Amino acid sequence: MGKTGAMVSDNSAKFDDRSHAGAALGMKLATTLPAGQYTVLGLLRGGVPIAYEVAQALGARLGVLAVRKLGVPTNPELAFGAIAQYSTLSGRFINAEVHHRALQYYGHDELISVENGAHADLLALAHAFKAYTPEIAGQSVILCDDGIATGATMKACLELVDQLKPQSVIVASPVIAAEAFTELAPQVQGLTELLTPRQFSAVGAFYKDFSQIDQDHVLKLLGSKS
């Protein structure tokens, strides 16, 4: 399956909210993907409203994947890596360049503390949603997030999903930074987006409403699709 999506440099375009973005992404996928059975996994938590709309558009199974970014201590939005959990399996990705700089500035103990805290949060998140982790061996899987900036979070998810032996993996997100798009494309069978800005400050900048998604809202979406 070929890569899809065109580079877009205009970062002034915004989505109303995640549901709006997910519906538009779902329409694009529904009109470009071959007919078939898909399993859509939303990255907890912000990726789930995206995945819900995509699953609706494709008539697909919906599940979730627990993931936590490893943020630099004084700038949590800057990821030096990410960790992911699905059932009993885990995945981990470290951005060597950012990690090296953070290690020099903050020290080993500080970064280990960040990772330990993130791991505890990850296990709690995975446990809360363990009922929504369908078998994906031999399946066509679509991984959805609300935006991809550095790609660290998605790379951890790909490292994990690869262990589960799916037939194919597609990454889909309303907005993907141009550099992340280039890095992710060779790692998957498909990469679909609506915007690929070259100037990328934060995912939230592309949404009019980028409110945090709470656990109850995620469970409601999952319950309505089951």
C-alpha atoms as a PDB file:
ATOM      1  CA  MET A   1       0.000   0.000   0.000  1.00  0.00           C
ATOM      2  CA  GLY A   2       1.438   3.353  -0.955  1.00  0.00           C
ATOM      3  CA  LYS A   3       1.848   6.365   1.274  1.00  0.00           C
ATOM      4  CA  THR A   4      -0.881   8.971   1.071  1.00  0.00           C
ATOM      5  CA  GLY A   5      -1.043  12.669   1.791  1.00  0.00           C
ATOM      6  CA  ALA A   6       0.369  15.884   0.396  1.00  0.00           C
ATOM      7  CA  MET A   7       2.690  18.292   2.107  1.00  0.00           C
ATOM      8  CA  VAL A   8       0.906  21.401   3.325  1.00  0.00           C
ATOM      9  CA  SER A   9       2.853  24.383   4.635  1.00  0.00           C
ATOM     10  CA  ASP A  10      -0.067  26.552   5.806  1.00  0.00           C
ATOM     11  CA  ASN A  11      -0.437  26.099   9.558  1.00  0.00           C
ATOM     12  CA  SER A  12      -3.290  28.600   9.900  1.00  0.00           C
ATOM     13  CA  ALA A  13      -5.941  25.969   9.150  1.00  0.00           C
ATOM     14  CA  LYS A  14      -7.584  24.714  12.307  1.00  0.00           C
ATOM     15  CA  PHE A  15     -10.008  21.981  13.275  1.00  0.00           C
ATOM     16  CA  ASP A  16     -12.965  22.801  15.508  1.00  0.00           C
ATOM     17  CA  ASP A  17     -12.161  19.895  17.837  1.00  0.00           C
ATOM     18  CA  ARG A  18     -11.002  16.279  17.748  1.00  0.00           C
ATOM     19  CA  SER A  19     -14.380  14.982  16.559  1.00  0.00           C
ATOM     20  CA  HIS A  20     -14.343  17.375  13.595  1.00  0.00           C
ATOM     21  CA  ALA A  21     -10.768  16.418  12.725  1.00  0.00           C
ATOM     22  CA  GLY A  22     -11.484  12.711  13.124  1.00  0.00           C
ATOM     23  CA  ALA A  23     -14.534  12.858  10.878  1.00  0.00           C
ATOM     24  CA  ALA A  24     -12.531  14.562   8.134  1.00  0.00           C
ATOM     25  CA  LEU A  25      -9.697  12.054   8.528  1.00  0.00           C
ATOM     26  CA  GLY A  26     -12.158   9.170   8.465  1.00  0.00           C
ATOM     27  CA  MET A  27     -13.662  10.447   5.222  1.00  0.00           C
ATOM     28  CA  LYS A  28     -10.228  10.635   3.618  1.00  0.00           C
ATOM     29  CA  LEU A  29      -9.380   7.102   4.723  1.00  0.00           C
ATOM     30  CA  ALA A  30     -12.751   5.757   3.590  1.00  0.00           C
ATOM     31  CA  THR A  31     -12.165   7.131   0.104  1.00  0.00           C
ATOM     32  CA  THR A  32      -8.510   6.113  -0.248  1.00  0.00           C
ATOM     33  CA  LEU A  33      -8.098   2.746   1.511  1.00  0.00           C
ATOM     34  CA  PRO A  34      -8.927  -0.557  -0.174  1.00  0.00           C
ATOM     35  CA  ALA A  35     -12.136  -2.173   1.055  1.00  0.00           C
ATOM     36  CA  GLY A  36     -11.473  -4.558   3.926  1.00  0.00           C
ATOM     37  CA  GLN A  37     -11.652  -5.232   7.634  1.00  0.00           C
ATOM     38  CA  TYR A  38      -9.651  -2.835   9.794  1.00  0.00           C
ATOM     39  CA  THR A  39      -8.900  -2.507  13.494  1.00  0.00           C
ATOM     40  CA  VAL A  40      -8.517   1.115  14.578  1.00  0.00           C
ATOM     41  CA  LEU A  41      -6.505   1.836  17.723  1.00  0.00           C
ATOM     42  CA  GLY A  42      -6.637   5.260  19.341  1.00  0.00           C
ATOM     43  CA  LEU A  43      -3.680   6.421  21.403  1.00  0.00           C
ATOM     44  CA  LEU A  44      -4.923   7.175  24.914  1.00  0.00           C
ATOM     45  CA  ARG A  45      -6.419   9.546  25.522  1.00  0.00           C
ATOM     46  CA  GLY A  46      -6.452  12.286  22.872  1.00  0.00           C
ATOM     47  CA  GLY A  47      -6.258   9.886  19.958  1.00  0.00           C
ATOM     48  CA  VAL A  48      -9.451   8.042  20.879  1.00  0.00           C
ATOM     49  CA  PRO A  49     -11.965  10.654  19.596  1.00  0.00           C
ATOM     50  CA  ILE A  50     -10.014  10.618  16.315  1.00  0.00           C
ATOM     51  CA  ALA A  51     -10.029   6.811  16.199  1.00  0.00           C
ATOM     52  CA  TYR A  52     -13.745   6.690  17.026  1.00  0.00           C
ATOM     53  CA  GLU A  53     -14.638   8.804  13.988  1.00  0.00           C
ATOM     54  CA  VAL A  54     -12.271   6.817  11.752  1.00  0.00           C
ATOM     55  CA  ALA A  55     -13.784   3.519  12.943  1.00  0.00           C
ATOM     56  CA  GLN A  56     -17.267   4.892  12.267  1.00  0.00           C
ATOM     57  CA  ALA A  57     -16.301   5.879   8.731  1.00  0.00           C
ATOM     58  CA  LEU A  58     -14.714   2.498   7.984  1.00  0.00           C
ATOM     59  CA  GLY A  59     -17.138   0.274   9.894  1.00  0.00           C
ATOM     60  CA  ALA A  60     -14.081  -0.973  11.780  1.00  0.00           C
ATOM     61  CA  ARG A  61     -13.336  -2.424  15.212  1.00  0.00           C
ATOM     62  CA  LEU A  62     -12.197   0.165  17.750  1.00  0.00           C
ATOM     63  CA  GLY A  63      -9.609  -0.305  20.467  1.00  0.00           C
ATOM     64  CA  VAL A  64      -7.044   1.697  22.404  1.00  0.00           C
ATOM     65  CA  LEU A  65      -3.319   1.715  22.985  1.00  0.00           C
ATOM     66  CA  ALA A  66      -1.842   3.127  26.203  1.00  0.00           C
ATOM     67  CA  VAL A  67       1.144   5.407  25.696  1.00  0.00           C
ATOM     68  CA  ARG A  68       3.016   8.006  27.709  1.00  0.00           C
ATOM     69  CA  LYS A  69       5.463  10.611  26.469  1.00  0.00           C
ATOM     70  CA  LEU A  70       8.782  11.018  28.289  1.00  0.00           C
ATOM     71  CA  GLY A  71       9.082  14.776  28.532  1.00  0.00           C
ATOM     72  CA  VAL A  72      12.104  16.880  29.413  1.00  0.00           C
ATOM     73  CA  PRO A  73      11.661  17.931  33.098  1.00  0.00           C
ATOM     74  CA  THR A  74      11.200  21.689  32.575  1.00  0.00           C
ATOM     75  CA  ASN A  75       9.574  21.319  29.144  1.00  0.00           C
ATOM     76  CA  PRO A  76       7.272  18.261  29.186  1.00  0.00           C
ATOM     77  CA  GLU A  77       6.096  18.906  25.622  1.00  0.00           C
ATOM     78  CA  LEU A  78       9.635  18.214  24.388  1.00  0.00           C
ATOM     79  CA  ALA A  79       9.874  14.425  24.293  1.00  0.00           C
ATOM     80  CA  PHE A  80      13.112  12.563  24.806  1.00  0.00           C
ATOM     81  CA  GLY A  81      11.154   9.375  24.251  1.00  0.00           C
ATOM     82  CA  ALA A  82       7.926   7.501  24.887  1.00  0.00           C
ATOM     83  CA  ILE A  83       6.676   4.212  26.311  1.00  0.00           C
ATOM     84  CA  ALA A  84       3.620   2.170  25.313  1.00  0.00           C
ATOM     85  CA  GLN A  85       1.673  -0.786  26.681  1.00  0.00           C
ATOM     86  CA  TYR A  86      -0.797  -3.200  25.010  1.00  0.00           C
ATOM     87  CA  SER A  87      -2.006  -6.199  26.943  1.00  0.00           C
ATOM     88  CA  THR A  88       1.171  -7.690  28.469  1.00  0.00           C
ATOM     89  CA  LEU A  89       3.569  -6.237  25.899  1.00  0.00           C
ATOM     90  CA  SER A  90       5.448  -2.956  26.049  1.00  0.00           C
ATOM     91  CA  GLY A  91       7.276  -0.709  23.630  1.00  0.00           C
ATOM     92  CA  ARG A  92       9.871   1.998  24.178  1.00  0.00           C
ATOM     93  CA  PHE A  93      11.433   4.634  21.937  1.00  0.00           C
ATOM     94  CA  ILE A  94      14.213   7.047  22.896  1.00  0.00           C
ATOM     95  CA  ASN A  95      15.182  10.056  20.783  1.00  0.00           C
ATOM     96  CA  ALA A  96      18.949   9.730  21.079  1.00  0.00           C
ATOM     97  CA  GLU A  97      19.726  13.377  20.293  1.00  0.00           C
ATOM     98  CA  VAL A  98      17.185  14.912  22.704  1.00  0.00           C
ATOM     99  CA  HIS A  99      17.991  12.318  25.375  1.00  0.00           C
ATOM    100  CA  HIS A 100      21.714  13.086  25.131  1.00  0.00           C
ATOM    101  CA  ARG A 101      21.143  16.828  25.537  1.00  0.00           C
ATOM    102  CA  ALA A 102      18.707  16.298  28.416  1.00  0.00           C
ATOM    103  CA  LEU A 103      21.123  13.889  30.089  1.00  0.00           C
ATOM    104  CA  GLN A 104      23.894  16.468  30.017  1.00  0.00           C
ATOM    105  CA  TYR A 105      21.647  19.186  31.439  1.00  0.00           C
ATOM    106  CA  TYR A 106      19.518  17.310  33.987  1.00  0.00           C
ATOM    107  CA  GLY A 107      21.527  14.202  34.792  1.00  0.00           C
ATOM    108  CA  HIS A 108      20.751  10.507  34.773  1.00  0.00           C
ATOM    109  CA  ASP A 109      18.708  10.385  38.003  1.00  0.00           C
ATOM    110  CA  GLU A 110      16.335  13.129  36.865  1.00  0.00           C
ATOM    111  CA  LEU A 111      15.524  11.378  33.596  1.00  0.00           C
ATOM    112  CA  ILE A 112      15.103   8.012  35.311  1.00  0.00           C
ATOM    113  CA  SER A 113      12.642   9.679  37.679  1.00  0.00           C
ATOM    114  CA  VAL A 114      10.630  10.973  34.710  1.00  0.00           C
ATOM    115  CA  GLU A 115      10.555   7.522  33.143  1.00  0.00           C
ATOM    116  CA  ASN A 116       9.580   5.774  36.384  1.00  0.00           C
ATOM    117  CA  GLY A 117       6.703   8.201  36.910  1.00  0.00           C
ATOM    118  CA  ALA A 118       5.534   7.794  33.322  1.00  0.00           C
ATOM    119  CA  HIS A 119       5.723   4.019  33.628  1.00  0.00           C
ATOM    120  CA  ALA A 120       3.498   4.012  36.717  1.00  0.00           C
ATOM    121  CA  ASP A 121       0.956   6.213  34.898  1.00  0.00           C
ATOM    122  CA  LEU A 122       1.171   3.957  31.839  1.00  0.00           C
ATOM    123  CA  LEU A 123       0.423   0.779  33.777  1.00  0.00           C
ATOM    124  CA  ALA A 124      -2.577   2.398  35.467  1.00  0.00           C
ATOM    125  CA  LEU A 125      -3.876   3.601  32.108  1.00  0.00           C
ATOM    126  CA  ALA A 126      -3.371   0.213  30.460  1.00  0.00           C
ATOM    127  CA  HIS A 127      -5.172  -1.522  33.326  1.00  0.00           C
ATOM    128  CA  ALA A 128      -8.146   0.857  33.148  1.00  0.00           C
ATOM    129  CA  PHE A 129      -8.658   0.120  29.455  1.00  0.00           C
ATOM    130  CA  LYS A 130      -7.511  -3.510  29.224  1.00  0.00           C
ATOM    131  CA  ALA A 131     -10.989  -4.577  28.026  1.00  0.00           C
ATOM    132  CA  TYR A 132     -10.453  -2.542  24.841  1.00  0.00           C
ATOM    133  CA  THR A 133      -7.297  -4.208  23.490  1.00  0.00           C
ATOM    134  CA  PRO A 134      -8.510  -6.556  20.728  1.00  0.00           C
ATOM    135  CA  GLU A 135      -6.324  -9.235  19.175  1.00  0.00           C
ATOM    136  CA  ILE A 136      -4.520  -7.704  16.194  1.00  0.00           C
ATOM    137  CA  ALA A 137      -2.331 -10.564  14.935  1.00  0.00           C
ATOM    138  CA  GLY A 138      -2.817 -10.854  11.190  1.00  0.00           C
ATOM    139  CA  GLN A 139      -5.074  -7.776  11.139  1.00  0.00           C
ATOM    140  CA  SER A 140      -4.893  -4.522   9.187  1.00  0.00           C
ATOM    141  CA  VAL A 141      -4.316  -1.954  11.927  1.00  0.00           C
ATOM    142  CA  ILE A 142      -4.761   1.818  11.847  1.00  0.00           C
ATOM    143  CA  LEU A 143      -3.064   3.785  14.642  1.00  0.00           C
ATOM    144  CA  CYS A 144      -4.676   7.166  15.323  1.00  0.00           C
ATOM    145  CA  ASP A 145      -3.530  10.183  17.315  1.00  0.00           C
ATOM    146  CA  ASP A 146      -4.755  13.777  17.437  1.00  0.00           C
ATOM    147  CA  GLY A 147      -1.439  15.075  16.127  1.00  0.00           C
ATOM    148  CA  ILE A 148       2.171  14.018  15.612  1.00  0.00           C
ATOM    149  CA  ALA A 149       4.905  16.529  16.418  1.00  0.00           C
ATOM    150  CA  THR A 150       8.240  14.779  16.993  1.00  0.00           C
ATOM    151  CA  GLY A 151       6.963  11.278  16.246  1.00  0.00           C
ATOM    152  CA  ALA A 152       8.423   9.859  19.488  1.00  0.00           C
ATOM    153  CA  THR A 153       5.058   8.696  20.833  1.00  0.00           C
ATOM    154  CA  MET A 154       4.049   6.998  17.597  1.00  0.00           C
ATOM    155  CA  LYS A 155       7.450   5.331  17.232  1.00  0.00           C
ATOM    156  CA  ALA A 156       7.039   3.722  20.659  1.00  0.00           C
ATOM    157  CA  CYS A 157       3.612   2.482  19.562  1.00  0.00           C
ATOM    158  CA  LEU A 158       5.009   1.071  16.325  1.00  0.00           C
ATOM    159  CA  GLU A 159       7.768  -0.735  18.229  1.00  0.00           C
ATOM    160  CA  LEU A 160       5.066  -2.323  20.388  1.00  0.00           C
ATOM    161  CA  VAL A 161       2.551  -3.122  17.652  1.00  0.00           C
ATOM    162  CA  ASP A 162       5.237  -4.826  15.576  1.00  0.00           C
ATOM    163  CA  GLN A 163       5.535  -7.433  18.361  1.00  0.00           C
ATOM    164  CA  LEU A 164       1.842  -8.282  17.901  1.00  0.00           C
ATOM    165  CA  LYS A 165       2.373  -9.351  14.263  1.00  0.00           C
ATOM    166  CA  PRO A 166      -0.343  -7.414  12.418  1.00  0.00           C
ATOM    167  CA  GLN A 167      -0.716  -7.907   8.676  1.00  0.00           C
ATOM    168  CA  SER A 168      -0.219  -4.196   8.036  1.00  0.00           C
ATOM    169  CA  VAL A 169      -0.005  -0.917   9.938  1.00  0.00           C
ATOM    170  CA  ILE A 170      -1.274   2.470   8.857  1.00  0.00           C
ATOM    171  CA  VAL A 171      -0.668   5.639  10.863  1.00  0.00           C
ATOM    172  CA  ALA A 172      -3.383   8.281  10.594  1.00  0.00           C
ATOM    173  CA  SER A 173      -3.528  11.707  12.213  1.00  0.00           C
ATOM    174  CA  PRO A 174      -5.148  15.026  11.292  1.00  0.00           C
ATOM    175  CA  VAL A 175      -1.828  16.867  11.513  1.00  0.00           C
ATOM    176  CA  ILE A 176       1.726  15.547  11.229  1.00  0.00           C
ATOM    177  CA  ALA A 177       4.874  17.655  11.318  1.00  0.00           C
ATOM    178  CA  ALA A 178       6.725  17.459   8.001  1.00  0.00           C
ATOM    179  CA  GLU A 179       9.890  16.035   9.583  1.00  0.00           C
ATOM    180  CA  ALA A 180       7.943  13.385  11.500  1.00  0.00           C
ATOM    181  CA  PHE A 181       6.068  12.473   8.302  1.00  0.00           C
ATOM    182  CA  THR A 182       9.367  11.833   6.523  1.00  0.00           C
ATOM    183  CA  GLU A 183      10.689   9.717   9.411  1.00  0.00           C
ATOM    184  CA  LEU A 184       7.538   7.636   9.895  1.00  0.00           C
ATOM    185  CA  ALA A 185       6.723   6.930   6.241  1.00  0.00           C
ATOM    186  CA  PRO A 186       9.310   4.141   5.715  1.00  0.00           C
ATOM    187  CA  GLN A 187       8.195   2.367   8.916  1.00  0.00           C
ATOM    188  CA  VAL A 188       4.552   1.748   7.953  1.00  0.00           C
ATOM    189  CA  GLN A 189       2.428   0.514   5.061  1.00  0.00           C
ATOM    190  CA  GLY A 190       0.418   3.753   4.956  1.00  0.00           C
ATOM    191  CA  LEU A 191       0.592   7.252   6.411  1.00  0.00           C
ATOM    192  CA  THR A 192      -2.474   9.468   6.111  1.00  0.00           C
ATOM    193  CA  GLU A 193      -2.950  13.052   7.296  1.00  0.00           C
ATOM    194  CA  LEU A 194      -4.875  16.219   6.501  1.00  0.00           C
ATOM    195  CA  LEU A 195      -2.102  18.744   7.229  1.00  0.00           C
ATOM    196  CA  THR A 196       1.674  18.427   7.082  1.00  0.00           C
ATOM    197  CA  PRO A 197       2.981  21.844   8.166  1.00  0.00           C
ATOM    198  CA  ARG A 198       6.680  22.584   7.961  1.00  0.00           C
ATOM    199  CA  GLN A 199       6.373  25.093  10.805  1.00  0.00           C
ATOM    200  CA  PHE A 200       5.038  23.189  13.783  1.00  0.00           C
ATOM    201  CA  SER A 201       4.834  24.630  17.295  1.00  0.00           C
ATOM    202  CA  ALA A 202       2.335  22.376  19.094  1.00  0.00           C
ATOM    203  CA  VAL A 203      -0.515  20.038  18.164  1.00  0.00           C
ATOM    204  CA  GLY A 204      -3.025  22.188  20.046  1.00  0.00           C
ATOM    205  CA  ALA A 205      -2.315  25.137  17.743  1.00  0.00           C
ATOM    206  CA  PHE A 206      -4.268  23.393  14.987  1.00  0.00           C
ATOM    207  CA  TYR A 207      -7.426  22.990  17.078  1.00  0.00           C
ATOM    208  CA  LYS A 208      -9.906  25.633  18.209  1.00  0.00           C
ATOM    209  CA  ASP A 209     -10.868  23.334  21.093  1.00  0.00           C
ATOM    210  CA  PHE A 210      -8.038  21.141  22.378  1.00  0.00           C
ATOM    211  CA  SER A 211      -9.457  20.402  25.825  1.00  0.00           C
ATOM    212  CA  GLN A 212      -8.097  17.443  27.733  1.00  0.00           C
ATOM    213  CA  ILE A 213     -10.021  14.203  27.208  1.00  0.00           C
ATOM    214  CA  ASP A 214     -11.041  12.584  30.473  1.00  0.00           C
ATOM    215  CA  GLN A 215     -11.417   8.876  31.127  1.00  0.00           C
ATOM    216  CA  ASP A 216     -15.222   8.940  31.270  1.00  0.00           C
ATOM    217  CA  HIS A 217     -15.432  10.478  27.795  1.00  0.00           C
ATOM    218  CA  VAL A 218     -13.114   7.814  26.378  1.00  0.00           C
ATOM    219  CA  LEU A 219     -15.139   5.025  27.982  1.00  0.00           C
ATOM    220  CA  LYS A 220     -18.347   6.508  26.577  1.00  0.00           C
ATOM    221  CA  LEU A 221     -16.926   6.505  23.047  1.00  0.00           C
ATOM    222  CA  LEU A 222     -15.641   2.957  23.403  1.00  0.00           C
ATOM    223  CA  GLY A 223     -18.934   1.760  24.866  1.00  0.00           C
ATOM    224  CA  SER A 224     -20.987   3.257  22.061  1.00  0.00           C
ATOM    225  CA  LYS A 225     -18.845   1.486  19.434  1.00  0.00           C
ATOM    226  CA  SER A 226     -18.815  -1.942  21.080  1.00  0.00           C
END
